[in-house]
Amino acid sequence: MSVTPLPTSIDATVDLLGKAGYIADRSLATVLYLALKMGRPIFLEGEAGVGKTEIAKVLAASLGRKLIRLQCYEGLDVSAAVYEWNYGAQMIAIRLAEAEGGGDRERIEHDVFSERFLIKRPLLQALEPDPDGAPVLLIDEIDRTDEAFEAFLLEVLADFQVTVPELGTVKAPHPPIVVVTSNRTREVHDALKRRCLYHWVGYPDAARELKILRTKVPGIAKKLSEQVVAFVQRLRKEDLFKVPGVAETLDWAGALTELDAVALDPATVSDTLGVLLKYQDDIARLDTSKVKALLDEVKTELRAAE
């Protein structure tokens, strides 16, 4: 993997992301540029499906860095996030040493708590030296963890080091590029946010979403792409439990393309709503008459814009 130098300007950051197929607005590119320049973690908050996780993936691919992902969940602890010992292998090593009758207790203990028995989890992996440069560490959906893990993470992000009692302190020779994401299912503590540069990733406007769509689904018909984006934009104004994100827009466009659709019609929209919406109550709210009314509005708006 070839290493790409860090961008030297905001425009260069926009270009870097664009070459990897991520259409970023200037405000996002500005925060990313500053985070890379200052060596600070970036905290990305926003609704699910707006492209927060994709930013970390694109950064890693664009810069030629390894991507290390820590997927957060309720109950996440140090053994799953940082390290744990391979107890099974340690027991086998102890039994073999005893069977051979060699070595004293202190030497056996030293051997079984050596690095070869250490299982390195994402946070510890991200602190290791890498010839391709410091990796991109994605701490995804931090809002799913509890406050105890948040407090532990504060120490890691402050000094980019962790302590393994049996081995000592492991400190990153070069801090990783850290991207923390949150879907805001709960408020994340201010202390964690203060260690990061913050950016709210919202839904894109119609022009940018259309550009994203045509980049990610290049085979889509021109008319269909315009109608898909306009329909989704209109749908986000409805009182739904979960409005569709960019990820759902792309999935829907891909599905419609697979169906050889060249334009939207009420029947096609109704039949494929399960690709766009993920809750039955939302799907039920969009009955045939409602879909037709929304589609008529969309077509009228598009004709007026021509």
Protein backbone atom coordinates (compact mmCIF):
# COMPACT_ATOMS: atom_id res chain seq x y z
CA MET A 1 0.00 0.00 0.00
CA SER A 2 1.55 3.33 -1.04
CA VAL A 3 1.44 6.14 1.49
CA THR A 4 -0.02 9.47 0.37
CA PRO A 5 1.20 12.66 2.09
CA LEU A 6 -1.34 14.49 4.22
CA PRO A 7 -3.22 17.22 2.32
CA THR A 8 -1.69 20.67 2.58
CA SER A 9 -4.89 22.71 2.17
CA ILE A 10 -8.66 22.52 2.44
CA ASP A 11 -8.98 22.28 -1.34
CA ALA A 12 -6.46 19.42 -1.36
CA THR A 13 -8.58 17.66 1.29
CA VAL A 14 -11.70 18.03 -0.87
CA ASP A 15 -9.77 16.58 -3.83
CA LEU A 16 -8.33 13.74 -1.73
CA LEU A 17 -11.80 12.64 -0.63
CA GLY A 18 -13.26 13.21 -4.09
CA LYS A 19 -10.74 10.89 -5.73
CA ALA A 20 -11.98 8.12 -3.44
CA GLY A 21 -15.61 8.87 -4.34
CA TYR A 22 -16.57 10.85 -1.23
CA ILE A 23 -18.30 14.13 -2.08
CA ALA A 24 -17.55 16.35 0.93
CA ASP A 25 -18.81 19.85 1.56
CA ARG A 26 -16.25 22.50 2.41
CA SER A 27 -17.10 22.66 6.12
CA LEU A 28 -16.37 18.96 6.56
CA ALA A 29 -13.17 19.21 4.50
CA THR A 30 -12.05 22.14 6.68
CA VAL A 31 -12.46 20.19 9.93
CA LEU A 32 -10.76 17.11 8.46
CA TYR A 33 -7.84 19.20 7.23
CA LEU A 34 -7.43 20.82 10.65
CA ALA A 35 -7.68 17.46 12.45
CA LEU A 36 -4.93 16.02 10.24
CA LYS A 37 -2.79 19.16 10.50
CA MET A 38 -3.13 19.46 14.29
CA GLY A 39 -3.00 15.74 15.05
CA ARG A 40 -6.35 15.87 16.83
CA PRO A 41 -9.13 13.25 16.83
CA ILE A 42 -12.26 14.22 14.93
CA PHE A 43 -15.70 13.64 16.43
CA LEU A 44 -18.41 13.12 13.80
CA GLU A 45 -21.99 13.24 14.99
CA GLY A 46 -25.19 12.82 12.98
CA GLU A 47 -28.06 10.56 12.06
CA ALA A 48 -27.39 6.98 10.99
CA GLY A 49 -26.69 6.57 7.29
CA VAL A 50 -25.28 10.02 6.52
CA GLY A 51 -21.75 8.77 5.79
CA LYS A 52 -19.81 9.21 9.06
CA THR A 53 -18.19 5.77 9.00
CA GLU A 54 -17.45 6.12 5.30
CA ILE A 55 -15.29 9.18 6.03
CA ALA A 56 -12.85 7.06 8.05
CA LYS A 57 -12.78 4.37 5.37
CA VAL A 58 -12.12 6.92 2.65
CA LEU A 59 -9.38 8.61 4.68
CA ALA A 60 -7.59 5.30 5.17
CA ALA A 61 -7.88 4.36 1.50
CA SER A 62 -6.89 7.83 0.25
CA LEU A 63 -3.87 8.15 2.53
CA GLY A 64 -2.70 4.56 2.09
CA ARG A 65 -3.09 3.83 5.82
CA LYS A 66 -4.37 0.77 7.60
CA LEU A 67 -7.95 1.11 8.89
CA ILE A 68 -8.48 -0.24 12.41
CA ARG A 69 -12.12 -0.28 13.48
CA LEU A 70 -13.48 -0.52 17.00
CA GLN A 71 -17.21 -1.15 16.71
CA CYS A 72 -18.78 0.01 19.96
CA TYR A 73 -21.65 -1.70 21.76
CA GLU A 74 -23.21 -1.78 25.21
CA GLY A 75 -20.90 -3.55 27.65
CA LEU A 76 -17.72 -2.98 25.63
CA ASP A 77 -14.73 -3.37 27.96
CA VAL A 78 -10.93 -3.38 27.95
CA SER A 79 -10.64 -7.07 27.03
CA ALA A 80 -12.59 -6.47 23.82
CA ALA A 81 -11.23 -3.00 23.03
CA VAL A 82 -7.58 -3.10 24.11
CA TYR A 83 -6.15 -6.53 24.89
CA GLU A 84 -6.59 -9.84 26.64
CA TRP A 85 -4.37 -12.81 27.35
CA ASN A 86 -4.73 -16.07 25.45
CA TYR A 87 -5.50 -18.08 28.56
CA GLY A 88 -5.91 -21.38 26.70
CA ALA A 89 -2.47 -21.12 25.09
CA GLN A 90 -0.96 -20.02 28.42
CA MET A 91 -2.35 -23.08 30.20
CA ILE A 92 -0.95 -25.39 27.52
CA ALA A 93 2.46 -23.74 27.82
CA ILE A 94 2.41 -24.14 31.61
CA ARG A 95 1.43 -27.83 31.36
CA LEU A 96 4.18 -28.49 28.81
CA ALA A 97 6.78 -26.77 30.98
CA GLU A 98 5.68 -28.78 34.01
CA ALA A 99 5.71 -32.03 32.03
CA GLU A 100 9.23 -31.36 30.83
CA GLY A 101 10.24 -30.53 34.37
CA GLY A 102 12.18 -27.55 33.21
CA GLY A 103 12.34 -24.01 34.50
CA ASP A 104 11.39 -22.38 37.74
CA ARG A 105 8.06 -20.77 38.50
CA GLU A 106 9.34 -17.22 37.88
CA ARG A 107 10.69 -18.09 34.42
CA ILE A 108 7.47 -19.88 33.43
CA GLU A 109 5.41 -16.89 34.58
CA HIS A 110 7.67 -14.58 32.57
CA ASP A 111 7.31 -16.77 29.47
CA VAL A 112 3.51 -17.07 29.55
CA PHE A 113 3.07 -13.32 29.99
CA SER A 114 5.20 -12.52 26.98
CA GLU A 115 3.87 -10.75 23.90
CA ARG A 116 3.28 -13.99 21.96
CA PHE A 117 0.38 -14.80 24.29
CA LEU A 118 -1.11 -11.30 24.06
CA ILE A 119 -4.26 -10.90 21.94
CA LYS A 120 -4.18 -7.33 20.65
CA ARG A 121 -7.54 -5.66 20.20
CA PRO A 122 -8.17 -2.52 18.07
CA LEU A 123 -6.96 0.18 20.48
CA LEU A 124 -3.65 -1.60 21.13
CA GLN A 125 -3.21 -2.40 17.43
CA ALA A 126 -3.62 1.30 16.62
CA LEU A 127 -0.68 2.21 18.88
CA GLU A 128 1.80 -0.10 17.16
CA PRO A 129 4.38 1.27 14.72
CA ASP A 130 3.54 0.78 11.06
CA PRO A 131 5.92 1.31 8.11
CA ASP A 132 2.99 2.69 6.09
CA GLY A 133 2.40 5.43 8.66
CA ALA A 134 0.07 5.77 11.63
CA PRO A 135 -3.22 3.97 10.97
CA VAL A 136 -6.72 5.43 10.87
CA LEU A 137 -8.48 4.38 14.07
CA LEU A 138 -12.28 4.37 13.70
CA ILE A 139 -14.14 4.32 17.02
CA ASP A 140 -17.59 3.74 15.61
CA GLU A 141 -20.85 4.59 17.42
CA ILE A 142 -19.29 5.65 20.73
CA ASP A 143 -22.79 6.53 21.96
CA ARG A 144 -23.54 2.80 22.30
CA THR A 145 -20.98 2.35 25.10
CA ASP A 146 -21.30 3.38 28.74
CA GLU A 147 -19.66 6.23 30.64
CA ALA A 148 -17.02 3.95 32.18
CA PHE A 149 -15.61 3.10 28.76
CA GLU A 150 -15.78 6.76 27.75
CA ALA A 151 -13.65 7.62 30.78
CA PHE A 152 -11.08 4.99 29.82
CA LEU A 153 -11.02 6.30 26.26
CA LEU A 154 -10.19 9.79 27.55
CA GLU A 155 -6.83 8.49 28.83
CA VAL A 156 -6.06 6.75 25.55
CA LEU A 157 -6.84 9.83 23.46
CA ALA A 158 -4.93 12.13 25.81
CA ASP A 159 -1.56 10.33 25.63
CA PHE A 160 -2.06 7.66 22.95
CA GLN A 161 -0.78 5.00 25.30
CA VAL A 162 -2.12 2.09 27.32
CA THR A 163 -0.58 0.09 30.14
CA VAL A 164 -0.44 -3.70 30.11
CA PRO A 165 0.48 -4.50 33.75
CA GLU A 166 2.52 -7.59 32.87
CA LEU A 167 4.43 -5.90 30.02
CA GLY A 168 4.47 -2.18 30.77
CA THR A 169 3.28 0.90 28.88
CA VAL A 170 2.70 0.80 25.13
CA LYS A 171 2.91 4.26 23.55
CA ALA A 172 2.32 5.07 19.90
CA PRO A 173 5.48 6.37 18.17
CA HIS A 174 3.15 8.38 15.95
CA PRO A 175 -0.46 8.99 17.06
CA PRO A 176 -3.09 7.34 14.88
CA ILE A 177 -5.59 9.38 12.87
CA VAL A 178 -8.66 9.01 15.10
CA VAL A 179 -12.25 9.27 13.86
CA VAL A 180 -14.96 8.95 16.51
CA THR A 181 -18.57 8.66 15.38
CA SER A 182 -21.87 8.98 17.22
CA ASN A 183 -25.48 8.53 16.10
CA ARG A 184 -26.52 10.61 19.12
CA THR A 185 -28.66 7.93 20.73
CA ARG A 186 -27.36 9.51 23.95
CA GLU A 187 -25.22 12.53 24.77
CA VAL A 188 -21.50 11.84 24.85
CA HIS A 189 -19.61 13.48 27.73
CA ASP A 190 -18.18 16.94 27.07
CA ALA A 191 -14.72 15.82 28.25
CA LEU A 192 -14.45 13.43 25.31
CA LYS A 193 -15.70 15.99 22.80
CA ARG A 194 -13.21 18.57 24.08
CA ARG A 195 -10.33 16.32 23.06
CA CYS A 196 -11.63 16.26 19.49
CA LEU A 197 -12.50 18.59 16.67
CA TYR A 198 -16.27 18.39 16.19
CA HIS A 199 -18.43 18.23 13.07
CA TRP A 200 -22.12 17.54 12.62
CA VAL A 201 -22.70 15.44 9.51
CA GLY A 202 -26.16 16.30 8.26
CA TYR A 203 -28.22 15.20 5.29
CA PRO A 204 -26.83 16.66 2.06
CA ASP A 205 -28.79 19.13 -0.01
CA ALA A 206 -30.30 17.93 -3.29
CA ALA A 207 -27.38 19.03 -5.49
CA ARG A 208 -24.75 17.25 -3.40
CA GLU A 209 -26.89 14.15 -2.91
CA LEU A 210 -27.40 13.93 -6.67
CA LYS A 211 -23.64 14.18 -7.19
CA ILE A 212 -23.07 11.46 -4.56
CA LEU A 213 -25.67 9.25 -6.20
CA ARG A 214 -24.22 9.56 -9.69
CA THR A 215 -20.74 8.86 -8.31
CA LYS A 216 -21.77 5.75 -6.38
CA VAL A 217 -24.35 4.40 -8.89
CA PRO A 218 -22.80 5.43 -12.22
CA GLY A 219 -25.16 3.38 -14.38
CA ILE A 220 -28.35 5.05 -13.18
CA ALA A 221 -30.55 6.86 -15.73
CA LYS A 222 -30.36 10.67 -15.54
CA LYS A 223 -34.10 11.17 -15.07
CA LEU A 224 -34.32 8.41 -12.47
CA SER A 225 -31.43 9.82 -10.44
CA GLU A 226 -33.08 13.25 -10.31
CA GLN A 227 -36.43 11.77 -9.26
CA VAL A 228 -34.87 9.50 -6.62
CA VAL A 229 -33.03 12.38 -4.96
CA ALA A 230 -36.01 14.73 -5.15
CA PHE A 231 -38.32 12.04 -3.71
CA VAL A 232 -35.96 11.25 -0.82
CA GLN A 233 -35.46 14.96 -0.10
CA ARG A 234 -39.24 15.38 0.01
CA LEU A 235 -39.62 12.26 2.17
CA ARG A 236 -37.27 13.69 4.80
CA LYS A 237 -39.83 16.42 5.45
CA GLU A 238 -42.47 13.84 6.40
CA ASP A 239 -43.20 12.84 9.99
CA LEU A 240 -41.44 9.48 9.91
CA PHE A 241 -39.89 7.46 12.74
CA LYS A 242 -36.64 7.20 10.74
CA VAL A 243 -36.15 9.20 7.58
CA PRO A 244 -33.86 7.65 4.97
CA GLY A 245 -30.17 8.53 5.01
CA VAL A 246 -27.76 8.75 2.11
CA ALA A 247 -27.01 5.04 2.50
CA GLU A 248 -30.69 4.24 1.89
CA THR A 249 -30.81 6.59 -1.10
CA LEU A 250 -27.91 4.68 -2.67
CA ASP A 251 -29.45 1.30 -1.86
CA TRP A 252 -32.77 2.36 -3.37
CA ALA A 253 -31.13 3.75 -6.49
CA GLY A 254 -29.17 0.53 -6.90
CA ALA A 255 -32.30 -1.57 -6.48
CA LEU A 256 -34.24 0.50 -9.02
CA THR A 257 -31.36 0.18 -11.47
CA GLU A 258 -31.42 -3.61 -11.00
CA LEU A 259 -35.12 -3.47 -11.88
CA ASP A 260 -34.25 -1.59 -15.10
CA ALA A 261 -36.32 1.39 -13.99
CA VAL A 262 -35.76 4.62 -15.93
CA ALA A 263 -38.28 6.75 -14.00
CA LEU A 264 -40.37 6.54 -10.84
CA ASP A 265 -44.01 5.54 -10.83
CA PRO A 266 -46.33 4.94 -7.85
CA ALA A 267 -46.32 1.15 -8.19
CA THR A 268 -42.53 0.87 -8.35
CA VAL A 269 -42.09 3.21 -5.38
CA SER A 270 -44.62 1.28 -3.28
CA ASP A 271 -43.07 -2.07 -4.17
CA THR A 272 -39.56 -0.98 -3.20
CA LEU A 273 -40.24 1.08 -0.06
CA GLY A 274 -38.65 -1.69 2.04
CA VAL A 275 -35.29 -0.74 0.56
CA LEU A 276 -35.72 2.91 1.49
CA LEU A 277 -37.54 2.70 4.85
CA LYS A 278 -36.74 0.31 7.70
CA TYR A 279 -39.80 0.56 9.93
CA GLN A 280 -43.19 -0.93 9.12
CA ASP A 281 -45.05 2.04 10.64
CA ASP A 282 -43.26 4.36 8.21
CA ILE A 283 -44.01 2.09 5.25
CA ALA A 284 -47.67 1.82 6.29
CA ARG A 285 -47.91 5.62 6.51
CA LEU A 286 -46.99 5.84 2.83
CA ASP A 287 -50.01 4.22 1.26
CA THR A 288 -50.60 4.29 -2.50
CA SER A 289 -52.40 7.64 -2.49
CA LYS A 290 -49.69 9.27 -0.38
CA VAL A 291 -46.93 7.92 -2.63
CA LYS A 292 -48.75 9.23 -5.70
CA ALA A 293 -49.22 12.66 -4.13
CA LEU A 294 -45.53 12.91 -3.18
CA LEU A 295 -44.44 11.73 -6.60
CA ASP A 296 -46.68 14.29 -8.31
CA GLU A 297 -45.12 17.04 -6.19
CA VAL A 298 -41.63 15.84 -7.07
CA LYS A 299 -42.34 15.75 -10.82
CA THR A 300 -43.90 19.22 -10.69
CA GLU A 301 -40.84 20.62 -8.87
CA LEU A 302 -38.45 19.01 -11.35
CA ARG A 303 -40.38 20.35 -14.37
CA ALA A 304 -40.37 23.83 -12.86
CA ALA A 305 -36.60 23.65 -12.36
CA GLU A 306 -35.91 22.71 -16.00
